Amino acid sequence: GQTHPLFWALLTDDVPADDPRRRDPTLKWRFWEFNADMELGGGIPSLGYIRAMWEANRDYVLHHWTREKPGTRPQSFWRFEVEGHDAQRDPDTHVCVYGPPPGWTDLAYLDRQKLLTDSERRRLPGVAAPGHGARVRVRNR
């Protein structure tokens, strides 16, 4: 199936907390689906809907993301790829925010866990040379 444009925007962090689409009553359930990882349309709710969308688009999203924003990852990466931490809820907007574990920056965590691409390592000062170390355990796909 085709990825809903709003879900694509959410997968790539292109929907800021103040985005007017968040207040649109016709789209509000789409945000709920995204946060719950569940498809509501078409009868029986389908768990894992957003995870499946992430997995189908992961390589494409990360390829472009790391070229444009080296040393960082979109929230979907943190949500579906890295074990051991949950979302933080923004107290003002009540939006779930996924990121590195508390106390870590994206870059520090990605570098420590050897999750930076060789291209990112070449472009970022102060990180180890390309190809060093083992990768962190990621969630089963």
C-alpha atoms as a PDB file:
ATOM      1  CA  GLY A   1       0.000   0.000   0.000  1.00  0.00           C
ATOM      2  CA  GLN A   2       0.895   3.623  -0.316  1.00  0.00           C
ATOM      3  CA  THR A   3       2.226   5.455   2.728  1.00  0.00           C
ATOM      4  CA  HIS A   4      -0.136   8.215   3.881  1.00  0.00           C
ATOM      5  CA  PRO A   5       1.645  11.584   3.373  1.00  0.00           C
ATOM      6  CA  LEU A   6       1.176  12.434   7.044  1.00  0.00           C
ATOM      7  CA  PHE A   7       2.800   9.157   8.118  1.00  0.00           C
ATOM      8  CA  TRP A   8       5.715   9.786   5.769  1.00  0.00           C
ATOM      9  CA  ALA A   9       6.120  13.215   7.378  1.00  0.00           C
ATOM     10  CA  LEU A  10       6.031  11.619  10.834  1.00  0.00           C
ATOM     11  CA  LEU A  11       8.597   8.952   9.870  1.00  0.00           C
ATOM     12  CA  THR A  12      10.973  11.694   8.756  1.00  0.00           C
ATOM     13  CA  ASP A  13      10.319  14.139  11.636  1.00  0.00           C
ATOM     14  CA  ASP A  14       8.666  16.637   9.312  1.00  0.00           C
ATOM     15  CA  VAL A  15       5.731  17.428  11.632  1.00  0.00           C
ATOM     16  CA  PRO A  16       6.743  19.837  14.405  1.00  0.00           C
ATOM     17  CA  ALA A  17       4.690  19.966  17.604  1.00  0.00           C
ATOM     18  CA  ASP A  18       3.041  23.222  16.496  1.00  0.00           C
ATOM     19  CA  ASP A  19       2.125  21.901  13.023  1.00  0.00           C
ATOM     20  CA  PRO A  20      -1.500  22.873  12.238  1.00  0.00           C
ATOM     21  CA  ARG A  21      -2.174  19.333  10.985  1.00  0.00           C
ATOM     22  CA  ARG A  22      -2.061  18.230  14.635  1.00  0.00           C
ATOM     23  CA  ARG A  23      -5.237  20.277  15.265  1.00  0.00           C
ATOM     24  CA  ASP A  24      -7.093  19.134  12.155  1.00  0.00           C
ATOM     25  CA  PRO A  25      -9.983  16.923  13.365  1.00  0.00           C
ATOM     26  CA  THR A  26      -9.894  14.917  10.133  1.00  0.00           C
ATOM     27  CA  LEU A  27      -6.253  13.960  10.769  1.00  0.00           C
ATOM     28  CA  LYS A  28      -6.282  13.655  14.564  1.00  0.00           C
ATOM     29  CA  TRP A  29      -6.862   9.879  14.444  1.00  0.00           C
ATOM     30  CA  ARG A  30      -3.820   9.510  12.160  1.00  0.00           C
ATOM     31  CA  PHE A  31      -1.627  10.927  14.933  1.00  0.00           C
ATOM     32  CA  TRP A  32      -3.213   8.472  17.352  1.00  0.00           C
ATOM     33  CA  GLU A  33      -2.489   5.613  14.951  1.00  0.00           C
ATOM     34  CA  PHE A  34       1.124   6.725  14.664  1.00  0.00           C
ATOM     35  CA  ASN A  35       1.636   6.998  18.421  1.00  0.00           C
ATOM     36  CA  ALA A  36      -0.126   3.679  19.098  1.00  0.00           C
ATOM     37  CA  ASP A  37       1.547   1.845  16.174  1.00  0.00           C
ATOM     38  CA  MET A  38      -1.890   0.668  15.124  1.00  0.00           C
ATOM     39  CA  GLU A  39      -4.009   1.044  12.007  1.00  0.00           C
ATOM     40  CA  LEU A  40      -7.630   1.828  12.810  1.00  0.00           C
ATOM     41  CA  GLY A  41      -9.172   2.035   9.358  1.00  0.00           C
ATOM     42  CA  GLY A  42     -10.749  -0.953   7.666  1.00  0.00           C
ATOM     43  CA  GLY A  43     -12.308  -2.746  10.619  1.00  0.00           C
ATOM     44  CA  ILE A  44     -10.044  -4.679  12.986  1.00  0.00           C
ATOM     45  CA  PRO A  45      -7.117  -2.612  14.354  1.00  0.00           C
ATOM     46  CA  SER A  46      -3.764  -3.780  13.021  1.00  0.00           C
ATOM     47  CA  LEU A  47      -0.871  -3.642  15.504  1.00  0.00           C
ATOM     48  CA  GLY A  48       2.618  -3.018  14.174  1.00  0.00           C
ATOM     49  CA  TYR A  49       1.364  -0.888  11.270  1.00  0.00           C
ATOM     50  CA  ILE A  50       3.842   1.950  11.819  1.00  0.00           C
ATOM     51  CA  ARG A  51       6.724  -0.424  12.581  1.00  0.00           C
ATOM     52  CA  ALA A  52       6.068  -2.202   9.271  1.00  0.00           C
ATOM     53  CA  MET A  53       6.009   1.170   7.497  1.00  0.00           C
ATOM     54  CA  TRP A  54       9.326   2.099   9.137  1.00  0.00           C
ATOM     55  CA  GLU A  55      10.904  -1.222   8.187  1.00  0.00           C
ATOM     56  CA  ALA A  56       9.742  -0.895   4.579  1.00  0.00           C
ATOM     57  CA  ASN A  57      11.219   2.628   4.301  1.00  0.00           C
ATOM     58  CA  ARG A  58      14.080   2.445   6.838  1.00  0.00           C
ATOM     59  CA  ASP A  59      17.040   2.230   4.451  1.00  0.00           C
ATOM     60  CA  TYR A  60      15.711   4.996   2.218  1.00  0.00           C
ATOM     61  CA  VAL A  61      14.943   7.304   5.151  1.00  0.00           C
ATOM     62  CA  LEU A  62      18.304   6.702   6.831  1.00  0.00           C
ATOM     63  CA  HIS A  63      20.277   7.077   3.599  1.00  0.00           C
ATOM     64  CA  HIS A  64      18.863  10.545   3.016  1.00  0.00           C
ATOM     65  CA  TRP A  65      18.721  11.494   6.682  1.00  0.00           C
ATOM     66  CA  THR A  66      22.394  10.761   7.378  1.00  0.00           C
ATOM     67  CA  ARG A  67      23.462  12.728   4.301  1.00  0.00           C
ATOM     68  CA  GLU A  68      21.490  15.795   5.404  1.00  0.00           C
ATOM     69  CA  LYS A  69      21.786  15.503   9.198  1.00  0.00           C
ATOM     70  CA  PRO A  70      24.892  13.470  10.049  1.00  0.00           C
ATOM     71  CA  GLY A  71      25.237  12.379  13.656  1.00  0.00           C
ATOM     72  CA  THR A  72      21.477  12.379  14.254  1.00  0.00           C
ATOM     73  CA  ARG A  73      18.555  10.052  13.602  1.00  0.00           C
ATOM     74  CA  PRO A  74      14.814  10.577  13.142  1.00  0.00           C
ATOM     75  CA  GLN A  75      12.501   9.681  16.008  1.00  0.00           C
ATOM     76  CA  SER A  76      11.376   6.527  14.187  1.00  0.00           C
ATOM     77  CA  PHE A  77      14.933   5.190  14.393  1.00  0.00           C
ATOM     78  CA  TRP A  78      14.961   5.629  18.157  1.00  0.00           C
ATOM     79  CA  ARG A  79      11.481   4.206  18.448  1.00  0.00           C
ATOM     80  CA  PHE A  80      11.965   1.038  16.407  1.00  0.00           C
ATOM     81  CA  GLU A  81      15.700   0.316  16.247  1.00  0.00           C
ATOM     82  CA  VAL A  82      17.197   0.865  19.695  1.00  0.00           C
ATOM     83  CA  GLU A  83      16.181  -1.231  22.685  1.00  0.00           C
ATOM     84  CA  GLY A  84      15.947  -0.131  26.263  1.00  0.00           C
ATOM     85  CA  HIS A  85      14.184   3.203  26.436  1.00  0.00           C
ATOM     86  CA  ASP A  86      10.728   4.633  25.937  1.00  0.00           C
ATOM     87  CA  ALA A  87       9.289   7.844  24.591  1.00  0.00           C
ATOM     88  CA  GLN A  88       9.243  10.996  26.612  1.00  0.00           C
ATOM     89  CA  ARG A  89       5.940  12.862  26.569  1.00  0.00           C
ATOM     90  CA  ASP A  90       6.221  16.594  25.984  1.00  0.00           C
ATOM     91  CA  PRO A  91       4.405  18.171  28.973  1.00  0.00           C
ATOM     92  CA  ASP A  92       3.079  21.082  26.903  1.00  0.00           C
ATOM     93  CA  THR A  93       1.905  19.327  23.735  1.00  0.00           C
ATOM     94  CA  HIS A  94       1.461  15.762  25.081  1.00  0.00           C
ATOM     95  CA  VAL A  95       3.278  14.535  21.967  1.00  0.00           C
ATOM     96  CA  CYS A  96       5.486  11.445  22.348  1.00  0.00           C
ATOM     97  CA  VAL A  97       9.107  12.284  21.622  1.00  0.00           C
ATOM     98  CA  TYR A  98      11.590   9.519  20.818  1.00  0.00           C
ATOM     99  CA  GLY A  99      15.311  10.074  21.034  1.00  0.00           C
ATOM    100  CA  PRO A 100      18.477   8.737  22.592  1.00  0.00           C
ATOM    101  CA  PRO A 101      18.369   7.579  26.213  1.00  0.00           C
ATOM    102  CA  PRO A 102      18.212  10.377  28.801  1.00  0.00           C
ATOM    103  CA  GLY A 103      21.547  12.106  29.262  1.00  0.00           C
ATOM    104  CA  TRP A 104      22.772  11.295  25.751  1.00  0.00           C
ATOM    105  CA  THR A 105      22.907  13.357  22.577  1.00  0.00           C
ATOM    106  CA  ASP A 106      22.225  11.634  19.276  1.00  0.00           C
ATOM    107  CA  LEU A 107      25.861  11.941  18.245  1.00  0.00           C
ATOM    108  CA  ALA A 108      27.326  10.707  21.543  1.00  0.00           C
ATOM    109  CA  TYR A 109      25.051   7.670  21.644  1.00  0.00           C
ATOM    110  CA  LEU A 110      25.466   6.789  17.963  1.00  0.00           C
ATOM    111  CA  ASP A 111      29.251   7.126  18.247  1.00  0.00           C
ATOM    112  CA  ARG A 112      29.478   5.125  21.484  1.00  0.00           C
ATOM    113  CA  GLN A 113      27.310   2.323  20.076  1.00  0.00           C
ATOM    114  CA  LYS A 114      29.095   2.318  16.690  1.00  0.00           C
ATOM    115  CA  LEU A 115      25.936   3.222  14.782  1.00  0.00           C
ATOM    116  CA  LEU A 116      27.404   6.024  12.687  1.00  0.00           C
ATOM    117  CA  THR A 117      27.922   5.284   9.008  1.00  0.00           C
ATOM    118  CA  ASP A 118      31.424   5.551   7.584  1.00  0.00           C
ATOM    119  CA  SER A 119      30.264   8.599   5.622  1.00  0.00           C
ATOM    120  CA  GLU A 120      29.100  10.298   8.841  1.00  0.00           C
ATOM    121  CA  ARG A 121      32.376   9.480  10.582  1.00  0.00           C
ATOM    122  CA  ARG A 122      34.339  11.132   7.783  1.00  0.00           C
ATOM    123  CA  ARG A 123      32.156  14.256   7.966  1.00  0.00           C
ATOM    124  CA  LEU A 124      32.013  14.664  11.750  1.00  0.00           C
ATOM    125  CA  PRO A 125      35.006  15.939  13.692  1.00  0.00           C
ATOM    126  CA  GLY A 126      35.889  14.218  16.949  1.00  0.00           C
ATOM    127  CA  VAL A 127      34.531  10.726  16.265  1.00  0.00           C
ATOM    128  CA  ALA A 128      36.481   7.514  15.733  1.00  0.00           C
ATOM    129  CA  ALA A 129      37.693   6.589  12.263  1.00  0.00           C
ATOM    130  CA  PRO A 130      35.344   4.613   9.983  1.00  0.00           C
ATOM    131  CA  GLY A 131      34.889   0.883  10.585  1.00  0.00           C
ATOM    132  CA  HIS A 132      35.713   0.700  14.328  1.00  0.00           C
ATOM    133  CA  GLY A 133      33.894  -1.445  16.884  1.00  0.00           C
ATOM    134  CA  ALA A 134      30.820  -3.630  17.114  1.00  0.00           C
ATOM    135  CA  ARG A 135      27.265  -2.496  16.620  1.00  0.00           C
ATOM    136  CA  VAL A 136      24.770  -2.134  19.456  1.00  0.00           C
ATOM    137  CA  ARG A 137      22.057  -4.749  19.782  1.00  0.00           C
ATOM    138  CA  VAL A 138      19.044  -3.517  17.874  1.00  0.00           C
ATOM    139  CA  ARG A 139      15.483  -4.705  18.063  1.00  0.00           C
ATOM    140  CA  ASN A 140      14.541  -7.749  16.043  1.00  0.00           C
ATOM    141  CA  ARG A 141      13.094  -6.870  12.686  1.00  0.00           C
END
